[in-house]
PDB file of all heavy atoms in Angstrom:
ATOM      1  N   PRO A   1       0.822  -1.216   0.000  1.00  0.00           N
ATOM      2  CA  PRO A   1       0.000   0.000   0.000  1.00  0.00           C
ATOM      3  C   PRO A   1       0.845   1.251   0.000  1.00  0.00           C
ATOM      4  O   PRO A   1       1.848   1.336   0.705  1.00  0.00           O
ATOM      5  CB  PRO A   1      -0.828  -0.137   1.282  1.00  0.00           C
ATOM      6  CG  PRO A   1      -0.778  -1.592   1.628  1.00  0.00           C
ATOM      7  CD  PRO A   1       0.538  -2.095   1.140  1.00  0.00           C
ATOM      8  N   HIS A   2       0.453   2.229  -0.821  1.00  0.00           N
ATOM      9  CA  HIS A   2       1.095   3.544  -0.813  1.00  0.00           C
ATOM     10  C   HIS A   2       0.693   4.299   0.445  1.00  0.00           C
ATOM     11  O   HIS A   2       1.460   5.065   1.002  1.00  0.00           O
ATOM     12  CB  HIS A   2       0.684   4.309  -2.070  1.00  0.00           C
ATOM     13  CG  HIS A   2       1.251   5.689  -2.146  1.00  0.00           C
ATOM     14  ND1 HIS A   2       2.580   5.914  -2.349  1.00  0.00           N
ATOM     15  CD2 HIS A   2       0.663   6.903  -2.022  1.00  0.00           C
ATOM     16  CE1 HIS A   2       2.806   7.217  -2.374  1.00  0.00           C
ATOM     17  NE2 HIS A   2       1.659   7.826  -2.167  1.00  0.00           N
ATOM     18  N   ASP A   3      -0.527   4.064   0.881  1.00  0.00           N
ATOM     19  CA  ASP A   3      -1.065   4.735   2.050  1.00  0.00           C
ATOM     20  C   ASP A   3      -1.355   3.677   3.096  1.00  0.00           C
ATOM     21  O   ASP A   3      -2.161   2.764   2.866  1.00  0.00           O
ATOM     22  CB  ASP A   3      -2.349   5.491   1.671  1.00  0.00           C
ATOM     23  CG  ASP A   3      -2.921   6.276   2.839  1.00  0.00           C
ATOM     24  OD1 ASP A   3      -2.452   6.105   3.978  1.00  0.00           O
ATOM     25  OD2 ASP A   3      -3.842   7.073   2.574  1.00  0.00           O
ATOM     26  N   THR A   4      -0.714   3.747   4.238  1.00  0.00           N
ATOM     27  CA  THR A   4      -0.881   2.733   5.262  1.00  0.00           C
ATOM     28  C   THR A   4      -2.274   2.730   5.848  1.00  0.00           C
ATOM     29  O   THR A   4      -2.646   1.793   6.547  1.00  0.00           O
ATOM     30  CB  THR A   4       0.150   2.953   6.395  1.00  0.00           C
ATOM     31  OG1 THR A   4      -0.035   4.277   6.925  1.00  0.00           O
ATOM     32  CG2 THR A   4       1.564   2.815   5.882  1.00  0.00           C
ATOM     33  N   MET A   5      -3.088   3.754   5.572  1.00  0.00           N
ATOM     34  CA  MET A   5      -4.446   3.820   6.092  1.00  0.00           C
ATOM     35  C   MET A   5      -5.421   3.010   5.239  1.00  0.00           C
ATOM     36  O   MET A   5      -6.571   2.845   5.583  1.00  0.00           O
ATOM     37  CB  MET A   5      -4.918   5.275   6.164  1.00  0.00           C
ATOM     38  CG  MET A   5      -4.078   6.139   7.104  1.00  0.00           C
ATOM     39  SD  MET A   5      -4.056   5.525   8.798  1.00  0.00           S
ATOM     40  CE  MET A   5      -5.770   5.836   9.261  1.00  0.00           C
ATOM     41  N   THR A   6      -4.968   2.506   4.082  1.00  0.00           N
ATOM     42  CA  THR A   6      -5.850   1.737   3.220  1.00  0.00           C
ATOM     43  C   THR A   6      -5.211   0.403   2.897  1.00  0.00           C
ATOM     44  O   THR A   6      -3.994   0.290   2.808  1.00  0.00           O
ATOM     45  CB  THR A   6      -6.162   2.489   1.913  1.00  0.00           C
ATOM     46  OG1 THR A   6      -6.979   1.654   1.099  1.00  0.00           O
ATOM     47  CG2 THR A   6      -4.898   2.852   1.151  1.00  0.00           C
ATOM     48  N   ALA A   7      -6.021  -0.617   2.717  1.00  0.00           N
ATOM     49  CA  ALA A   7      -5.507  -1.946   2.416  1.00  0.00           C
ATOM     50  C   ALA A   7      -5.269  -2.120   0.927  1.00  0.00           C
ATOM     51  O   ALA A   7      -4.708  -3.118   0.511  1.00  0.00           O
ATOM     52  CB  ALA A   7      -6.492  -2.995   2.916  1.00  0.00           C
ATOM     53  N   GLN A   8      -5.698  -1.167   0.147  1.00  0.00           N
ATOM     54  CA  GLN A   8      -5.599  -1.279  -1.302  1.00  0.00           C
ATOM     55  C   GLN A   8      -4.267  -0.728  -1.788  1.00  0.00           C
ATOM     56  O   GLN A   8      -3.902   0.399  -1.455  1.00  0.00           O
ATOM     57  CB  GLN A   8      -6.752  -0.513  -1.950  1.00  0.00           C
ATOM     58  CG  GLN A   8      -7.131  -1.030  -3.305  1.00  0.00           C
ATOM     59  CD  GLN A   8      -8.399  -0.372  -3.821  1.00  0.00           C
ATOM     60  OE1 GLN A   8      -8.538   0.841  -3.760  1.00  0.00           O
ATOM     61  NE2 GLN A   8      -9.322  -1.170  -4.311  1.00  0.00           N
ATOM     62  N   PRO A   9      -3.502  -1.502  -2.569  1.00  0.00           N
ATOM     63  CA  PRO A   9      -2.226  -0.983  -3.087  1.00  0.00           C
ATOM     64  C   PRO A   9      -2.450   0.198  -4.008  1.00  0.00           C
ATOM     65  O   PRO A   9      -3.462   0.274  -4.702  1.00  0.00           O
ATOM     66  CB  PRO A   9      -1.628  -2.180  -3.827  1.00  0.00           C
ATOM     67  CG  PRO A   9      -2.773  -3.068  -4.129  1.00  0.00           C
ATOM     68  CD  PRO A   9      -3.778  -2.872  -3.032  1.00  0.00           C
ATOM     69  N   ARG A  10      -1.510   1.114  -3.999  1.00  0.00           N
ATOM     70  CA  ARG A  10      -1.609   2.316  -4.816  1.00  0.00           C
ATOM     71  C   ARG A  10      -0.361   2.450  -5.665  1.00  0.00           C
ATOM     72  O   ARG A  10       0.722   1.992  -5.302  1.00  0.00           O
ATOM     73  CB  ARG A  10      -1.757   3.564  -3.919  1.00  0.00           C
ATOM     74  CG  ARG A  10      -2.931   3.523  -2.958  1.00  0.00           C
ATOM     75  CD  ARG A  10      -4.256   3.553  -3.704  1.00  0.00           C
ATOM     76  NE  ARG A  10      -4.437   4.796  -4.432  1.00  0.00           N
ATOM     77  CZ  ARG A  10      -4.953   5.902  -3.883  1.00  0.00           C
ATOM     78  NH1 ARG A  10      -5.309   5.935  -2.609  1.00  0.00           N
ATOM     79  NH2 ARG A  10      -5.099   6.986  -4.622  1.00  0.00           N
ATOM     80  N   LEU A  11      -0.509   3.113  -6.787  1.00  0.00           N
ATOM     81  CA  LEU A  11       0.613   3.369  -7.673  1.00  0.00           C
ATOM     82  C   LEU A  11       1.573   4.360  -7.025  1.00  0.00           C
ATOM     83  O   LEU A  11       1.152   5.388  -6.500  1.00  0.00           O
ATOM     84  CB  LEU A  11       0.097   3.938  -8.994  1.00  0.00           C
ATOM     85  CG  LEU A  11       1.098   4.075 -10.124  1.00  0.00           C
ATOM     86  CD1 LEU A  11       1.510   2.694 -10.642  1.00  0.00           C
ATOM     87  CD2 LEU A  11       0.502   4.904 -11.272  1.00  0.00           C
ATOM     88  N   ASP A  12       2.871   4.041  -7.061  1.00  0.00           N
ATOM     89  CA  ASP A  12       3.882   4.952  -6.516  1.00  0.00           C
ATOM     90  C   ASP A  12       4.225   5.976  -7.601  1.00  0.00           C
ATOM     91  O   ASP A  12       5.190   5.833  -8.349  1.00  0.00           O
ATOM     92  CB  ASP A  12       5.118   4.175  -6.081  1.00  0.00           C
ATOM     93  CG  ASP A  12       6.095   5.035  -5.297  1.00  0.00           C
ATOM     94  OD1 ASP A  12       5.967   6.277  -5.350  1.00  0.00           O
ATOM     95  OD2 ASP A  12       6.970   4.472  -4.633  1.00  0.00           O
ATOM     96  N   VAL A  13       3.419   7.021  -7.678  1.00  0.00           N
ATOM     97  CA  VAL A  13       3.538   7.999  -8.756  1.00  0.00           C
ATOM     98  C   VAL A  13       4.849   8.763  -8.661  1.00  0.00           C
ATOM     99  O   VAL A  13       5.481   9.071  -9.684  1.00  0.00           O
ATOM    100  CB  VAL A  13       2.337   8.965  -8.738  1.00  0.00           C
ATOM    101  CG1 VAL A  13       2.463  10.000  -9.846  1.00  0.00           C
ATOM    102  CG2 VAL A  13       1.036   8.190  -8.891  1.00  0.00           C
ATOM    103  N   GLU A  14       5.285   9.071  -7.456  1.00  0.00           N
ATOM    104  CA  GLU A  14       6.525   9.842  -7.320  1.00  0.00           C
ATOM    105  C   GLU A  14       7.723   9.067  -7.853  1.00  0.00           C
ATOM    106  O   GLU A  14       8.631   9.652  -8.447  1.00  0.00           O
ATOM    107  CB  GLU A  14       6.732  10.249  -5.863  1.00  0.00           C
ATOM    108  CG  GLU A  14       5.720  11.273  -5.364  1.00  0.00           C
ATOM    109  CD  GLU A  14       5.662  12.515  -6.257  1.00  0.00           C
ATOM    110  OE1 GLU A  14       6.733  13.015  -6.659  1.00  0.00           O
ATOM    111  OE2 GLU A  14       4.543  12.973  -6.552  1.00  0.00           O
ATOM    112  N   ALA A  15       7.739   7.746  -7.636  1.00  0.00           N
ATOM    113  CA  ALA A  15       8.831   6.941  -8.188  1.00  0.00           C
ATOM    114  C   ALA A  15       8.795   6.964  -9.708  1.00  0.00           C
ATOM    115  O   ALA A  15       9.843   7.028 -10.365  1.00  0.00           O
ATOM    116  CB  ALA A  15       8.735   5.508  -7.667  1.00  0.00           C
ATOM    117  N   LEU A  16       7.610   6.920 -10.277  1.00  0.00           N
ATOM    118  CA  LEU A  16       7.485   6.987 -11.736  1.00  0.00           C
ATOM    119  C   LEU A  16       7.901   8.353 -12.271  1.00  0.00           C
ATOM    120  O   LEU A  16       8.595   8.453 -13.291  1.00  0.00           O
ATOM    121  CB  LEU A  16       6.047   6.681 -12.149  1.00  0.00           C
ATOM    122  CG  LEU A  16       5.583   5.238 -11.962  1.00  0.00           C
ATOM    123  CD1 LEU A  16       4.089   5.124 -12.216  1.00  0.00           C
ATOM    124  CD2 LEU A  16       6.342   4.306 -12.896  1.00  0.00           C
ATOM    125  N   ARG A  17       7.476   9.406 -11.599  1.00  0.00           N
ATOM    126  CA  ARG A  17       7.814  10.752 -12.057  1.00  0.00           C
ATOM    127  C   ARG A  17       9.322  10.972 -12.077  1.00  0.00           C
ATOM    128  O   ARG A  17       9.835  11.720 -12.915  1.00  0.00           O
ATOM    129  CB  ARG A  17       7.140  11.796 -11.156  1.00  0.00           C
ATOM    130  CG  ARG A  17       5.638  11.894 -11.363  1.00  0.00           C
ATOM    131  CD  ARG A  17       5.011  12.867 -10.369  1.00  0.00           C
ATOM    132  NE  ARG A  17       5.497  14.232 -10.541  1.00  0.00           N
ATOM    133  CZ  ARG A  17       4.977  15.111 -11.394  1.00  0.00           C
ATOM    134  NH1 ARG A  17       3.961  14.777 -12.167  1.00  0.00           N
ATOM    135  NH2 ARG A  17       5.471  16.333 -11.481  1.00  0.00           N
ATOM    136  N   ALA A  18      10.032  10.312 -11.193  1.00  0.00           N
ATOM    137  CA  ALA A  18      11.496  10.451 -11.149  1.00  0.00           C
ATOM    138  C   ALA A  18      12.147   9.890 -12.411  1.00  0.00           C
ATOM    139  O   ALA A  18      13.301  10.223 -12.711  1.00  0.00           O
ATOM    140  CB  ALA A  18      12.048   9.752  -9.909  1.00  0.00           C
ATOM    141  N   ASP A  19      11.418   9.046 -13.144  1.00  0.00           N
ATOM    142  CA  ASP A  19      11.949   8.506 -14.393  1.00  0.00           C
ATOM    143  C   ASP A  19      11.892   9.512 -15.542  1.00  0.00           C
ATOM    144  O   ASP A  19      12.473   9.265 -16.609  1.00  0.00           O
ATOM    145  CB  ASP A  19      11.144   7.269 -14.808  1.00  0.00           C
ATOM    146  CG  ASP A  19      11.349   6.084 -13.877  1.00  0.00           C
ATOM    147  OD1 ASP A  19      12.398   6.040 -13.208  1.00  0.00           O
ATOM    148  OD2 ASP A  19      10.460   5.213 -13.822  1.00  0.00           O
ATOM    149  N   PHE A  20      11.168  10.611 -15.365  1.00  0.00           N
ATOM    150  CA  PHE A  20      10.910  11.572 -16.438  1.00  0.00           C
ATOM    151  C   PHE A  20      11.557  12.915 -16.107  1.00  0.00           C
ATOM    152  O   PHE A  20      10.985  13.724 -15.367  1.00  0.00           O
ATOM    153  CB  PHE A  20       9.398  11.748 -16.623  1.00  0.00           C
ATOM    154  CG  PHE A  20       8.694  10.538 -17.161  1.00  0.00           C
ATOM    155  CD1 PHE A  20       8.392   9.471 -16.337  1.00  0.00           C
ATOM    156  CD2 PHE A  20       8.345  10.466 -18.507  1.00  0.00           C
ATOM    157  CE1 PHE A  20       7.750   8.346 -16.832  1.00  0.00           C
ATOM    158  CE2 PHE A  20       7.703   9.354 -19.011  1.00  0.00           C
ATOM    159  CZ  PHE A  20       7.410   8.287 -18.169  1.00  0.00           C
ATOM    160  N   PRO A  21      12.757  13.180 -16.635  1.00  0.00           N
ATOM    161  CA  PRO A  21      13.464  14.417 -16.287  1.00  0.00           C
ATOM    162  C   PRO A  21      12.649  15.676 -16.568  1.00  0.00           C
ATOM    163  O   PRO A  21      12.728  16.651 -15.808  1.00  0.00           O
ATOM    164  CB  PRO A  21      14.723  14.363 -17.162  1.00  0.00           C
ATOM    165  CG  PRO A  21      14.944  12.911 -17.412  1.00  0.00           C
ATOM    166  CD  PRO A  21      13.574  12.309 -17.506  1.00  0.00           C
ATOM    167  N   ALA A  22      11.872  15.698 -17.642  1.00  0.00           N
ATOM    168  CA  ALA A  22      11.144  16.910 -18.013  1.00  0.00           C
ATOM    169  C   ALA A  22      10.128  17.319 -16.952  1.00  0.00           C
ATOM    170  O   ALA A  22       9.783  18.503 -16.843  1.00  0.00           O
ATOM    171  CB  ALA A  22      10.440  16.714 -19.350  1.00  0.00           C
ATOM    172  N   LEU A  23       9.631  16.366 -16.181  1.00  0.00           N
ATOM    173  CA  LEU A  23       8.589  16.683 -15.202  1.00  0.00           C
ATOM    174  C   LEU A  23       9.127  17.475 -14.017  1.00  0.00           C
ATOM    175  O   LEU A  23       8.347  17.970 -13.200  1.00  0.00           O
ATOM    176  CB  LEU A  23       7.904  15.403 -14.722  1.00  0.00           C
ATOM    177  CG  LEU A  23       7.168  14.612 -15.813  1.00  0.00           C
ATOM    178  CD1 LEU A  23       6.482  13.390 -15.214  1.00  0.00           C
ATOM    179  CD2 LEU A  23       6.157  15.498 -16.547  1.00  0.00           C
ATOM    180  N   ALA A  24      10.450  17.596 -13.912  1.00  0.00           N
ATOM    181  CA  ALA A  24      11.043  18.393 -12.835  1.00  0.00           C
ATOM    182  C   ALA A  24      11.168  19.868 -13.200  1.00  0.00           C
ATOM    183  O   ALA A  24      11.595  20.685 -12.380  1.00  0.00           O
ATOM    184  CB  ALA A  24      12.418  17.834 -12.471  1.00  0.00           C
ATOM    185  N   MET A  25      10.780  20.229 -14.433  1.00  0.00           N
ATOM    186  CA  MET A  25      10.910  21.616 -14.878  1.00  0.00           C
ATOM    187  C   MET A  25       9.953  22.537 -14.128  1.00  0.00           C
ATOM    188  O   MET A  25       8.938  22.113 -13.584  1.00  0.00           O
ATOM    189  CB  MET A  25      10.619  21.731 -16.375  1.00  0.00           C
ATOM    190  CG  MET A  25      11.708  21.224 -17.264  1.00  0.00           C
ATOM    191  SD  MET A  25      11.419  21.737 -18.998  1.00  0.00           S
ATOM    192  CE  MET A  25       9.982  20.754 -19.407  1.00  0.00           C
ATOM    193  N   ARG A  26      10.319  23.826 -14.168  1.00  0.00           N
ATOM    194  CA  ARG A  26       9.418  24.888 -13.714  1.00  0.00           C
ATOM    195  C   ARG A  26       9.084  25.757 -14.929  1.00  0.00           C
ATOM    196  O   ARG A  26       9.960  26.079 -15.730  1.00  0.00           O
ATOM    197  CB  ARG A  26      10.043  25.726 -12.595  1.00  0.00           C
ATOM    198  CG  ARG A  26      10.352  24.917 -11.341  1.00  0.00           C
ATOM    199  CD  ARG A  26      10.938  25.787 -10.243  1.00  0.00           C
ATOM    200  NE  ARG A  26       9.938  26.661  -9.641  1.00  0.00           N
ATOM    201  CZ  ARG A  26       9.117  26.302  -8.640  1.00  0.00           C
ATOM    202  NH1 ARG A  26       9.179  25.069  -8.146  1.00  0.00           N
ATOM    203  NH2 ARG A  26       8.256  27.145  -8.136  1.00  0.00           N
ATOM    204  N   ILE A  27       7.822  26.113 -15.064  1.00  0.00           N
ATOM    205  CA  ILE A  27       7.353  26.947 -16.162  1.00  0.00           C
ATOM    206  C   ILE A  27       6.733  28.209 -15.571  1.00  0.00           C
ATOM    207  O   ILE A  27       5.845  28.129 -14.722  1.00  0.00           O
ATOM    208  CB  ILE A  27       6.307  26.203 -17.018  1.00  0.00           C
ATOM    209  CG1 ILE A  27       6.905  24.912 -17.597  1.00  0.00           C
ATOM    210  CG2 ILE A  27       5.783  27.102 -18.131  1.00  0.00           C
ATOM    211  CD1 ILE A  27       8.041  25.115 -18.562  1.00  0.00           C
ATOM    212  N   ASN A  28       7.244  29.371 -15.998  1.00  0.00           N
ATOM    213  CA  ASN A  28       6.776  30.648 -15.440  1.00  0.00           C
ATOM    214  C   ASN A  28       6.884  30.663 -13.917  1.00  0.00           C
ATOM    215  O   ASN A  28       6.025  31.198 -13.212  1.00  0.00           O
ATOM    216  CB  ASN A  28       5.330  30.915 -15.867  1.00  0.00           C
ATOM    217  CG  ASN A  28       5.200  31.102 -17.371  1.00  0.00           C
ATOM    218  OD1 ASN A  28       6.022  31.781 -17.990  1.00  0.00           O
ATOM    219  ND2 ASN A  28       4.189  30.479 -17.965  1.00  0.00           N
ATOM    220  N   GLY A  29       7.960  30.046 -13.437  1.00  0.00           N
ATOM    221  CA  GLY A  29       8.221  30.031 -12.004  1.00  0.00           C
ATOM    222  C   GLY A  29       7.402  29.026 -11.211  1.00  0.00           C
ATOM    223  O   GLY A  29       7.535  28.951  -9.996  1.00  0.00           O
ATOM    224  N   LYS A  30       6.573  28.233 -11.907  1.00  0.00           N
ATOM    225  CA  LYS A  30       5.709  27.257 -11.230  1.00  0.00           C
ATOM    226  C   LYS A  30       6.139  25.844 -11.627  1.00  0.00           C
ATOM    227  O   LYS A  30       6.626  25.623 -12.729  1.00  0.00           O
ATOM    228  CB  LYS A  30       4.246  27.464 -11.634  1.00  0.00           C
ATOM    229  CG  LYS A  30       3.721  28.883 -11.469  1.00  0.00           C
ATOM    230  CD  LYS A  30       3.587  29.264 -10.018  1.00  0.00           C
ATOM    231  CE  LYS A  30       2.706  30.489  -9.826  1.00  0.00           C
ATOM    232  NZ  LYS A  30       2.945  31.586 -10.772  1.00  0.00           N
ATOM    233  N   PRO A  31       5.932  24.871 -10.735  1.00  0.00           N
ATOM    234  CA  PRO A  31       6.222  23.484 -11.120  1.00  0.00           C
ATOM    235  C   PRO A  31       5.359  23.073 -12.317  1.00  0.00           C
ATOM    236  O   PRO A  31       4.169  23.378 -12.363  1.00  0.00           O
ATOM    237  CB  PRO A  31       5.833  22.676  -9.875  1.00  0.00           C
ATOM    238  CG  PRO A  31       5.845  23.652  -8.751  1.00  0.00           C
ATOM    239  CD  PRO A  31       5.455  24.980  -9.337  1.00  0.00           C
ATOM    240  N   LEU A  32       5.975  22.433 -13.288  1.00  0.00           N
ATOM    241  CA  LEU A  32       5.240  21.999 -14.464  1.00  0.00           C
ATOM    242  C   LEU A  32       4.209  20.938 -14.087  1.00  0.00           C
ATOM    243  O   LEU A  32       4.543  19.929 -13.461  1.00  0.00           O
ATOM    244  CB  LEU A  32       6.201  21.422 -15.499  1.00  0.00           C
ATOM    245  CG  LEU A  32       5.559  20.708 -16.698  1.00  0.00           C
ATOM    246  CD1 LEU A  32       4.741  21.691 -17.540  1.00  0.00           C
ATOM    247  CD2 LEU A  32       6.627  20.020 -17.545  1.00  0.00           C
ATOM    248  N   ALA A  33       2.967  21.172 -14.489  1.00  0.00           N
ATOM    249  CA  ALA A  33       1.925  20.145 -14.451  1.00  0.00           C
ATOM    250  C   ALA A  33       1.612  19.815 -15.900  1.00  0.00           C
ATOM    251  O   ALA A  33       0.927  20.578 -16.582  1.00  0.00           O
ATOM    252  CB  ALA A  33       0.689  20.641 -13.714  1.00  0.00           C
ATOM    253  N   TYR A  34       2.135  18.697 -16.382  1.00  0.00           N
ATOM    254  CA  TYR A  34       2.026  18.375 -17.808  1.00  0.00           C
ATOM    255  C   TYR A  34       0.728  17.610 -18.040  1.00  0.00           C
ATOM    256  O   TYR A  34       0.608  16.426 -17.694  1.00  0.00           O
ATOM    257  CB  TYR A  34       3.231  17.572 -18.272  1.00  0.00           C
ATOM    258  CG  TYR A  34       3.250  17.418 -19.774  1.00  0.00           C
ATOM    259  CD1 TYR A  34       3.638  18.485 -20.587  1.00  0.00           C
ATOM    260  CD2 TYR A  34       2.845  16.238 -20.386  1.00  0.00           C
ATOM    261  CE1 TYR A  34       3.632  18.379 -21.969  1.00  0.00           C
ATOM    262  CE2 TYR A  34       2.842  16.120 -21.767  1.00  0.00           C
ATOM    263  CZ  TYR A  34       3.232  17.190 -22.552  1.00  0.00           C
ATOM    264  OH  TYR A  34       3.222  17.079 -23.919  1.00  0.00           O
ATOM    265  N   LEU A  35      -0.241  18.295 -18.641  1.00  0.00           N
ATOM    266  CA  LEU A  35      -1.571  17.734 -18.902  1.00  0.00           C
ATOM    267  C   LEU A  35      -1.884  17.786 -20.394  1.00  0.00           C
ATOM    268  O   LEU A  35      -3.016  18.030 -20.798  1.00  0.00           O
ATOM    269  CB  LEU A  35      -2.624  18.511 -18.103  1.00  0.00           C
ATOM    270  CG  LEU A  35      -2.481  18.434 -16.576  1.00  0.00           C
ATOM    271  CD1 LEU A  35      -3.368  19.466 -15.890  1.00  0.00           C
ATOM    272  CD2 LEU A  35      -2.823  17.033 -16.085  1.00  0.00           C
ATOM    273  N   ASP A  36      -0.858  17.516 -21.205  1.00  0.00           N
ATOM    274  CA  ASP A  36      -1.011  17.515 -22.664  1.00  0.00           C
ATOM    275  C   ASP A  36      -0.510  16.199 -23.243  1.00  0.00           C
ATOM    276  O   ASP A  36       0.050  16.148 -24.336  1.00  0.00           O
ATOM    277  CB  ASP A  36      -0.254  18.697 -23.269  1.00  0.00           C
ATOM    278  CG  ASP A  36      -0.654  18.978 -24.716  1.00  0.00           C
ATOM    279  OD1 ASP A  36      -1.759  18.563 -25.118  1.00  0.00           O
ATOM    280  OD2 ASP A  36       0.138  19.601 -25.430  1.00  0.00           O
ATOM    281  N   ASN A  37      -0.723  15.111 -22.517  1.00  0.00           N
ATOM    282  CA  ASN A  37      -0.218  13.804 -22.932  1.00  0.00           C
ATOM    283  C   ASN A  37      -0.916  13.274 -24.180  1.00  0.00           C
ATOM    284  O   ASN A  37      -0.351  12.457 -24.906  1.00  0.00           O
ATOM    285  CB  ASN A  37      -0.368  12.806 -21.782  1.00  0.00           C
ATOM    286  CG  ASN A  37       0.530  13.152 -20.615  1.00  0.00           C
ATOM    287  OD1 ASN A  37       1.721  12.892 -20.635  1.00  0.00           O
ATOM    288  ND2 ASN A  37      -0.044  13.762 -19.576  1.00  0.00           N
ATOM    289  N   GLY A  38      -2.152  13.721 -24.436  1.00  0.00           N
ATOM    290  CA  GLY A  38      -2.849  13.284 -25.629  1.00  0.00           C
ATOM    291  C   GLY A  38      -2.216  13.814 -26.896  1.00  0.00           C
ATOM    292  O   GLY A  38      -2.395  13.247 -27.984  1.00  0.00           O
ATOM    293  N   SER A  39      -1.470  14.911 -26.777  1.00  0.00           N
ATOM    294  CA  SER A  39      -0.768  15.485 -27.923  1.00  0.00           C
ATOM    295  C   SER A  39       0.584  14.814 -28.103  1.00  0.00           C
ATOM    296  O   SER A  39       0.927  14.338 -29.184  1.00  0.00           O
ATOM    297  CB  SER A  39      -0.587  16.989 -27.739  1.00  0.00           C
ATOM    298  OG  SER A  39       0.134  17.534 -28.805  1.00  0.00           O
ATOM    299  N   THR A  40       1.369  14.793 -27.040  1.00  0.00           N
ATOM    300  CA  THR A  40       2.612  14.025 -27.019  1.00  0.00           C
ATOM    301  C   THR A  40       2.996  13.809 -25.571  1.00  0.00           C
ATOM    302  O   THR A  40       2.674  14.629 -24.704  1.00  0.00           O
ATOM    303  CB  THR A  40       3.749  14.742 -27.787  1.00  0.00           C
ATOM    304  OG1 THR A  40       4.788  13.807 -28.093  1.00  0.00           O
ATOM    305  CG2 THR A  40       4.340  15.891 -27.003  1.00  0.00           C
ATOM    306  N   THR A  41       3.674  12.713 -25.312  1.00  0.00           N
ATOM    307  CA  THR A  41       4.071  12.373 -23.949  1.00  0.00           C
ATOM    308  C   THR A  41       5.527  12.756 -23.707  1.00  0.00           C
ATOM    309  O   THR A  41       6.326  12.839 -24.639  1.00  0.00           O
ATOM    310  CB  THR A  41       3.919  10.868 -23.709  1.00  0.00           C
ATOM    311  OG1 THR A  41       4.575  10.164 -24.775  1.00  0.00           O
ATOM    312  CG2 THR A  41       2.450  10.461 -23.658  1.00  0.00           C
ATOM    313  N   GLN A  42       5.862  12.967 -22.440  1.00  0.00           N
ATOM    314  CA  GLN A  42       7.261  13.134 -22.071  1.00  0.00           C
ATOM    315  C   GLN A  42       7.959  11.772 -22.091  1.00  0.00           C
ATOM    316  O   GLN A  42       7.309  10.726 -22.154  1.00  0.00           O
ATOM    317  CB  GLN A  42       7.367  13.791 -20.695  1.00  0.00           C
ATOM    318  CG  GLN A  42       6.749  15.191 -20.629  1.00  0.00           C
ATOM    319  CD  GLN A  42       7.400  16.171 -21.600  1.00  0.00           C
ATOM    320  OE1 GLN A  42       8.587  16.059 -21.912  1.00  0.00           O
ATOM    321  NE2 GLN A  42       6.615  17.126 -22.085  1.00  0.00           N
ATOM    322  N   LYS A  43       9.297  11.783 -22.045  1.00  0.00           N
ATOM    323  CA  LYS A  43      10.053  10.553 -22.271  1.00  0.00           C
ATOM    324  C   LYS A  43      10.814  10.132 -21.014  1.00  0.00           C
ATOM    325  O   LYS A  43      11.494  10.957 -20.391  1.00  0.00           O
ATOM    326  CB  LYS A  43      11.063  10.729 -23.405  1.00  0.00           C
ATOM    327  CG  LYS A  43      10.531  11.518 -24.604  1.00  0.00           C
ATOM    328  CD  LYS A  43       9.240  10.978 -25.185  1.00  0.00           C
ATOM    329  CE  LYS A  43       8.702  11.886 -26.275  1.00  0.00           C
ATOM    330  NZ  LYS A  43       7.316  11.560 -26.669  1.00  0.00           N
ATOM    331  N   PRO A  44      10.738   8.851 -20.651  1.00  0.00           N
ATOM    332  CA  PRO A  44      11.498   8.377 -19.491  1.00  0.00           C
ATOM    333  C   PRO A  44      12.987   8.227 -19.817  1.00  0.00           C
ATOM    334  O   PRO A  44      13.387   8.170 -20.988  1.00  0.00           O
ATOM    335  CB  PRO A  44      10.863   7.024 -19.181  1.00  0.00           C
ATOM    336  CG  PRO A  44      10.349   6.551 -20.501  1.00  0.00           C
ATOM    337  CD  PRO A  44       9.916   7.786 -21.242  1.00  0.00           C
TER     338      PRO A  44
END
């Protein structure tokens, strides 16, 4: 489980995000939230 309060296993999203260097960028001084995956995806 990602959350010890639930018995259901959860995806470790932070571990996955670490595989994608582009997701660590800041855009206009803000952390990038990349919500354009339908157009093209970032690369691990």
